[in-house]
Amino acid sequence: MVGTILRNIRKIKKLKQKQVANYLSVAENTVSNYETEYSNITFESAINFIHECNFELQFVDKANNKIYTIEELSKEMDF
């Protein structure tokens, strides 16, 4: 499922696998492997992939209707 999402994000932005590969500093076939789920992508690489495509990953706390960005959840928060 993650690979399909990454592929669809890339296609929406009309980017080639080579462009994303260059940004991530990986081989073009590595991006293909991520998208086909032949290889597992690390969470950090997935975030970089998403950012390269000008998307933002958000987490929704449905109980409180609060949206958190990955940056917010990545830093220490005082609750």
N, C-alpha and C. Protein backbone atom coordinates (compact mmCIF):
# COMPACT_ATOMS: atom_id res chain seq x y z
N MET A 1 0.82 -1.19 0.00
CA MET A 1 0.00 0.00 0.00
C MET A 1 0.86 1.26 0.00
N VAL A 2 1.94 1.29 0.79
CA VAL A 2 2.80 2.48 0.84
C VAL A 2 3.38 2.77 -0.53
N GLY A 3 3.83 1.74 -1.22
CA GLY A 3 4.40 1.93 -2.55
C GLY A 3 3.40 2.52 -3.53
N THR A 4 2.18 2.07 -3.48
CA THR A 4 1.13 2.61 -4.36
C THR A 4 0.88 4.07 -4.06
N ILE A 5 0.85 4.42 -2.79
CA ILE A 5 0.65 5.82 -2.39
C ILE A 5 1.80 6.68 -2.90
N LEU A 6 3.04 6.21 -2.71
CA LEU A 6 4.19 6.98 -3.18
C LEU A 6 4.16 7.16 -4.69
N ARG A 7 3.84 6.09 -5.41
CA ARG A 7 3.76 6.17 -6.88
C ARG A 7 2.68 7.17 -7.31
N ASN A 8 1.52 7.13 -6.66
CA ASN A 8 0.44 8.04 -7.03
C ASN A 8 0.79 9.49 -6.71
N ILE A 9 1.45 9.72 -5.59
CA ILE A 9 1.90 11.07 -5.25
C ILE A 9 2.85 11.59 -6.33
N ARG A 10 3.81 10.75 -6.71
CA ARG A 10 4.78 11.15 -7.74
C ARG A 10 4.11 11.44 -9.06
N LYS A 11 3.15 10.60 -9.45
CA LYS A 11 2.46 10.79 -10.73
C LYS A 11 1.57 12.02 -10.72
N ILE A 12 0.93 12.32 -9.60
CA ILE A 12 0.12 13.53 -9.50
C ILE A 12 0.97 14.76 -9.81
N LYS A 13 2.21 14.74 -9.32
CA LYS A 13 3.12 15.87 -9.53
C LYS A 13 3.90 15.78 -10.84
N LYS A 14 3.60 14.73 -11.63
CA LYS A 14 4.23 14.54 -12.94
C LYS A 14 5.76 14.50 -12.85
N LEU A 15 6.25 13.82 -11.82
CA LEU A 15 7.68 13.63 -11.65
C LEU A 15 8.07 12.25 -12.16
N LYS A 16 9.25 12.15 -12.68
CA LYS A 16 9.81 10.87 -13.12
C LYS A 16 10.51 10.22 -11.92
N GLN A 17 10.60 8.92 -11.97
CA GLN A 17 11.31 8.20 -10.91
C GLN A 17 12.74 8.70 -10.79
N LYS A 18 13.35 9.03 -11.91
CA LYS A 18 14.73 9.52 -11.91
C LYS A 18 14.85 10.82 -11.11
N GLN A 19 13.87 11.71 -11.24
CA GLN A 19 13.91 12.97 -10.50
C GLN A 19 13.86 12.73 -9.00
N VAL A 20 12.97 11.85 -8.58
CA VAL A 20 12.85 11.53 -7.16
C VAL A 20 14.12 10.81 -6.69
N ALA A 21 14.64 9.92 -7.51
CA ALA A 21 15.86 9.19 -7.16
C ALA A 21 17.02 10.16 -6.95
N ASN A 22 17.15 11.13 -7.82
CA ASN A 22 18.23 12.12 -7.67
C ASN A 22 18.09 12.88 -6.36
N TYR A 23 16.89 13.26 -6.02
CA TYR A 23 16.66 13.99 -4.78
C TYR A 23 16.99 13.14 -3.56
N LEU A 24 16.62 11.87 -3.61
CA LEU A 24 16.86 10.97 -2.49
C LEU A 24 18.28 10.39 -2.48
N SER A 25 19.03 10.68 -3.53
CA SER A 25 20.39 10.15 -3.70
C SER A 25 20.41 8.62 -3.70
N VAL A 26 19.47 8.06 -4.47
CA VAL A 26 19.40 6.61 -4.65
C VAL A 26 19.30 6.32 -6.15
N ALA A 27 19.46 5.07 -6.50
CA ALA A 27 19.33 4.66 -7.90
C ALA A 27 17.86 4.71 -8.32
N GLU A 28 17.65 4.94 -9.59
CA GLU A 28 16.28 5.00 -10.12
C GLU A 28 15.52 3.71 -9.84
N ASN A 29 16.21 2.56 -9.97
CA ASN A 29 15.52 1.29 -9.72
C ASN A 29 15.15 1.13 -8.24
N THR A 30 15.82 1.85 -7.35
CA THR A 30 15.45 1.82 -5.93
C THR A 30 14.08 2.46 -5.75
N VAL A 31 13.83 3.57 -6.42
CA VAL A 31 12.51 4.21 -6.36
C VAL A 31 11.46 3.26 -6.92
N SER A 32 11.79 2.61 -8.02
CA SER A 32 10.87 1.62 -8.60
C SER A 32 10.58 0.51 -7.59
N ASN A 33 11.62 0.04 -6.91
CA ASN A 33 11.44 -1.02 -5.91
C ASN A 33 10.58 -0.56 -4.74
N TYR A 34 10.73 0.69 -4.33
CA TYR A 34 9.87 1.24 -3.28
C TYR A 34 8.41 1.24 -3.73
N GLU A 35 8.20 1.71 -4.95
CA GLU A 35 6.83 1.85 -5.46
C GLU A 35 6.14 0.50 -5.69
N THR A 36 6.91 -0.50 -6.06
CA THR A 36 6.33 -1.83 -6.27
C THR A 36 6.37 -2.67 -5.01
N GLU A 37 6.95 -2.10 -3.96
CA GLU A 37 7.10 -2.74 -2.65
C GLU A 37 7.99 -3.99 -2.72
N TYR A 38 8.89 -3.99 -3.70
CA TYR A 38 9.90 -5.04 -3.77
C TYR A 38 10.92 -4.82 -2.66
N SER A 39 11.17 -3.53 -2.34
CA SER A 39 12.04 -3.15 -1.24
C SER A 39 11.25 -2.29 -0.27
N ASN A 40 11.58 -2.37 0.99
CA ASN A 40 10.94 -1.52 1.99
C ASN A 40 11.65 -0.19 2.07
N ILE A 41 10.88 0.86 2.15
CA ILE A 41 11.43 2.21 2.27
C ILE A 41 11.46 2.57 3.75
N THR A 42 12.51 3.27 4.17
CA THR A 42 12.54 3.72 5.56
C THR A 42 11.55 4.86 5.73
N PHE A 43 11.14 5.07 6.96
CA PHE A 43 10.19 6.15 7.23
C PHE A 43 10.80 7.49 6.82
N GLU A 44 12.07 7.70 7.15
CA GLU A 44 12.73 8.97 6.80
C GLU A 44 12.77 9.17 5.28
N SER A 45 13.09 8.12 4.53
CA SER A 45 13.11 8.24 3.07
C SER A 45 11.72 8.49 2.52
N ALA A 46 10.71 7.86 3.12
CA ALA A 46 9.33 8.09 2.67
C ALA A 46 8.95 9.55 2.88
N ILE A 47 9.34 10.12 4.03
CA ILE A 47 9.05 11.53 4.30
C ILE A 47 9.76 12.40 3.27
N ASN A 48 11.02 12.11 2.98
CA ASN A 48 11.76 12.87 1.97
C ASN A 48 11.11 12.75 0.59
N PHE A 49 10.67 11.55 0.25
CA PHE A 49 9.98 11.29 -1.01
C PHE A 49 8.72 12.17 -1.08
N ILE A 50 7.95 12.15 -0.02
CA ILE A 50 6.70 12.93 0.04
C ILE A 50 6.98 14.41 -0.08
N HIS A 51 7.99 14.90 0.63
CA HIS A 51 8.34 16.32 0.57
C HIS A 51 8.83 16.71 -0.82
N GLU A 52 9.60 15.85 -1.46
CA GLU A 52 10.09 16.14 -2.80
C GLU A 52 8.92 16.33 -3.77
N CYS A 53 7.84 15.65 -3.53
CA CYS A 53 6.65 15.75 -4.38
C CYS A 53 5.72 16.88 -3.93
N ASN A 54 6.18 17.69 -2.99
CA ASN A 54 5.41 18.84 -2.49
C ASN A 54 4.12 18.43 -1.77
N PHE A 55 4.18 17.32 -1.08
CA PHE A 55 3.08 16.88 -0.24
C PHE A 55 3.52 16.98 1.21
N GLU A 56 2.56 16.96 2.10
CA GLU A 56 2.87 16.98 3.53
C GLU A 56 2.11 15.85 4.20
N LEU A 57 2.81 15.13 5.05
CA LEU A 57 2.19 14.06 5.82
C LEU A 57 1.61 14.65 7.10
N GLN A 58 0.36 14.36 7.36
CA GLN A 58 -0.29 14.85 8.57
C GLN A 58 -0.94 13.68 9.31
N PHE A 59 -1.03 13.84 10.62
CA PHE A 59 -1.67 12.85 11.46
C PHE A 59 -2.87 13.51 12.12
N VAL A 60 -4.00 12.84 12.07
CA VAL A 60 -5.23 13.40 12.60
C VAL A 60 -5.63 12.64 13.86
N ASP A 61 -5.76 13.40 14.94
CA ASP A 61 -6.30 12.85 16.19
C ASP A 61 -7.82 13.00 16.07
N LYS A 62 -8.47 11.91 15.67
CA LYS A 62 -9.91 11.98 15.40
C LYS A 62 -10.73 12.27 16.64
N ALA A 63 -10.26 11.87 17.79
CA ALA A 63 -11.01 12.11 19.03
C ALA A 63 -11.09 13.60 19.35
N ASN A 64 -10.00 14.33 19.03
CA ASN A 64 -9.96 15.76 19.34
C ASN A 64 -10.01 16.64 18.11
N ASN A 65 -10.11 16.03 16.93
CA ASN A 65 -10.14 16.76 15.67
C ASN A 65 -8.94 17.70 15.55
N LYS A 66 -7.77 17.21 15.95
CA LYS A 66 -6.53 17.99 15.91
C LYS A 66 -5.62 17.37 14.87
N ILE A 67 -5.00 18.22 14.05
CA ILE A 67 -4.08 17.77 13.01
C ILE A 67 -2.66 18.11 13.44
N TYR A 68 -1.78 17.12 13.34
CA TYR A 68 -0.36 17.29 13.66
C TYR A 68 0.47 17.05 12.40
N THR A 69 1.45 17.89 12.18
CA THR A 69 2.40 17.65 11.09
C THR A 69 3.49 16.72 11.60
N ILE A 70 4.25 16.16 10.69
CA ILE A 70 5.35 15.29 11.07
C ILE A 70 6.39 16.07 11.87
N GLU A 71 6.56 17.35 11.53
CA GLU A 71 7.51 18.18 12.26
C GLU A 71 7.08 18.37 13.70
N GLU A 72 5.79 18.57 13.92
CA GLU A 72 5.29 18.74 15.27
C GLU A 72 5.49 17.46 16.10
N LEU A 73 5.24 16.33 15.50
CA LEU A 73 5.37 15.07 16.22
C LEU A 73 6.82 14.64 16.39
N SER A 74 7.71 15.19 15.59
CA SER A 74 9.12 14.82 15.65
C SER A 74 9.88 15.56 16.74
N LYS A 75 9.31 16.62 17.26
CA LYS A 75 10.01 17.39 18.30
C LYS A 75 9.36 17.14 19.65
N GLU A 76 10.09 17.49 20.67
CA GLU A 76 9.55 17.36 22.04
C GLU A 76 8.37 18.31 22.18
N MET A 77 7.29 17.81 22.72
CA MET A 77 6.11 18.64 22.91
C MET A 77 5.73 18.60 24.39
N ASP A 78 5.39 19.72 24.92
CA ASP A 78 4.98 19.82 26.32
C ASP A 78 3.46 19.80 26.37
N PHE A 79 2.91 18.68 26.78
CA PHE A 79 1.44 18.55 26.80
C PHE A 79 0.90 18.98 28.12
